[in-house]
């Protein structure tokens, strides 16, 4: 939690610094706000990479230490997707196997095509 708080505080501080510097440079209105967010985002990407890595490692450690609950509870509804995909694949494989009626139809079409080609 401390890593996340430090990272968030640093991001807010960078936003305020960018806002102040751009205001001193004469930027006003919506452009000031948009540029402040853009400059602070770029600066935090470069300057706060170590803090971001520490924060993500802390979050990963915390998620790994909770054996009683699922790691990603918001994905629990997708656990049935493997069964669904398996049934879907099985159904499409069954459709790919021709049955007797399909074979007879194909043979009849071949015979008709051969009859059309032979000269009378």
Protein backbone atom coordinates (compact mmCIF):
# COMPACT_ATOMS: atom_id res chain seq x y z
CA UNK A 1 0.00 0.00 0.00
CA UNK A 2 2.85 2.34 0.79
CA UNK A 3 4.32 1.85 -2.70
CA UNK A 4 1.00 2.68 -4.31
CA UNK A 5 0.57 5.77 -2.18
CA UNK A 6 4.09 6.97 -2.98
CA UNK A 7 3.58 6.42 -6.71
CA UNK A 8 0.20 8.17 -6.73
CA UNK A 9 1.57 11.09 -4.72
CA UNK A 10 4.49 11.46 -7.13
CA UNK A 11 2.10 11.44 -10.11
CA UNK A 12 -0.03 14.18 -8.53
CA UNK A 13 3.08 16.20 -7.73
CA UNK A 14 4.29 15.91 -11.33
CA UNK A 15 0.86 17.06 -12.55
CA UNK A 16 0.97 20.11 -10.29
CA UNK A 17 4.53 20.97 -11.36
CA UNK A 18 3.63 20.65 -15.03
CA UNK A 19 0.51 22.75 -14.47
CA UNK A 20 2.55 25.48 -12.74
CA UNK A 21 5.31 25.54 -15.34
CA UNK A 22 2.88 25.67 -18.24
CA UNK A 23 0.93 28.45 -16.55
CA UNK A 24 4.14 30.45 -16.12
CA UNK A 25 4.85 29.84 -19.81
CA UNK A 26 1.57 31.58 -20.66
CA UNK A 27 -0.66 28.65 -21.56
CA UNK A 28 -4.30 29.23 -20.56
CA UNK A 29 -7.69 27.48 -20.66
CA UNK A 30 -8.30 23.92 -21.75
CA UNK A 31 -4.92 23.76 -23.45
CA UNK A 32 -3.26 24.30 -20.06
CA UNK A 33 -5.11 21.37 -18.54
CA UNK A 34 -4.58 19.07 -21.52
CA UNK A 35 -0.89 19.87 -21.82
CA UNK A 36 -0.38 19.51 -18.07
CA UNK A 37 -1.83 15.99 -18.16
CA UNK A 38 0.21 15.10 -21.24
CA UNK A 39 3.50 16.46 -19.87
CA UNK A 40 2.98 14.85 -16.46
CA UNK A 41 2.12 11.49 -18.05
CA UNK A 42 5.27 11.54 -20.15
CA UNK A 43 7.39 12.67 -17.23
CA UNK A 44 5.97 10.00 -14.92
CA UNK A 45 6.58 7.32 -17.54
CA UNK A 46 10.26 8.25 -17.62
CA UNK A 47 10.90 9.42 -14.06
CA UNK A 48 8.73 7.03 -12.06
CA UNK A 49 9.50 3.69 -13.71
CA UNK A 50 11.26 2.33 -10.61
CA UNK A 51 8.34 3.29 -8.35
CA UNK A 52 5.88 1.79 -10.83
CA UNK A 53 7.82 -1.48 -10.87
CA UNK A 54 7.94 -1.58 -7.07
CA UNK A 55 4.21 -0.92 -6.87
CA UNK A 56 3.35 -3.64 -9.38
CA UNK A 57 5.61 -6.12 -7.56
CA UNK A 58 3.86 -5.30 -4.29
CA UNK A 59 0.46 -5.84 -5.88
CA UNK A 60 1.60 -9.14 -7.39
CA UNK A 61 2.96 -10.30 -4.03
CA UNK A 62 -0.27 -9.36 -2.32
CA UNK A 63 -2.39 -11.24 -4.86
CA UNK A 64 -0.12 -14.26 -4.55
CA UNK A 65 -0.45 -14.40 -0.74
CA UNK A 66 -4.22 -14.89 -0.65
CA UNK A 67 -4.80 -18.63 -1.15
CA UNK A 68 -8.38 -18.58 0.11
CA UNK A 69 -9.85 -16.49 -2.67
CA UNK A 70 -9.42 -16.67 -6.44
CA UNK A 71 -6.58 -14.61 -7.84
CA UNK A 72 -8.85 -12.83 -10.26
CA UNK A 73 -12.43 -13.04 -9.03
CA UNK A 74 -13.69 -10.96 -11.94
CA UNK A 75 -12.57 -13.81 -14.24
CA UNK A 76 -14.41 -16.56 -12.36
CA UNK A 77 -17.30 -16.42 -14.80
CA UNK A 78 -14.90 -17.29 -17.65
CA UNK A 79 -13.78 -20.60 -16.15
CA UNK A 80 -16.62 -22.31 -18.02
CA UNK A 81 -15.27 -21.00 -21.32
CA UNK A 82 -12.90 -23.99 -21.63
CA UNK A 83 -15.87 -26.37 -21.55
CA UNK A 84 -17.76 -24.21 -24.01
CA UNK A 85 -14.81 -24.11 -26.41
CA UNK A 86 -14.36 -27.89 -26.16
CA UNK A 87 -18.04 -28.48 -26.97
CA UNK A 88 -17.84 -26.00 -29.83
CA UNK A 89 -14.79 -27.73 -31.30
CA UNK A 90 -16.45 -31.13 -30.94
CA UNK A 91 -19.52 -29.86 -32.77
CA UNK A 92 -17.51 -28.39 -35.61
CA UNK A 93 -15.50 -31.62 -35.97
CA UNK A 94 -18.78 -33.53 -36.18
CA UNK A 95 -19.97 -31.19 -38.93
CA UNK A 96 -16.78 -31.77 -40.91
CA UNK A 97 -17.37 -35.55 -41.11
CA UNK A 98 -19.63 -36.23 -44.09
CA UNK A 99 -22.60 -38.51 -43.50
CA UNK A 100 -24.00 -41.04 -45.98
CA UNK A 101 -26.55 -38.60 -47.46
CA UNK A 102 -23.82 -36.05 -48.18
CA UNK A 103 -21.69 -38.71 -49.89
CA UNK A 104 -24.60 -39.86 -52.08
CA UNK A 105 -25.40 -36.27 -53.01
CA UNK A 106 -21.80 -35.62 -54.01
CA UNK A 107 -21.66 -38.82 -56.07
CA UNK A 108 -24.89 -37.91 -57.85
CA UNK A 109 -23.50 -34.46 -58.65
CA UNK A 110 -20.33 -36.05 -60.04
CA UNK A 111 -22.38 -38.40 -62.23
CA UNK A 112 -24.51 -35.50 -63.54
CA UNK A 113 -21.40 -33.48 -64.28
CA UNK A 114 -19.82 -36.45 -66.13
CA UNK A 115 -22.99 -36.88 -68.18
CA UNK A 116 -22.97 -33.20 -69.13
CA UNK A 117 -19.36 -33.43 -70.30
CA UNK A 118 -19.68 -36.55 -72.47
CA UNK A 119 -20.59 -35.76 -76.09
CA UNK A 120 -23.92 -37.11 -77.36
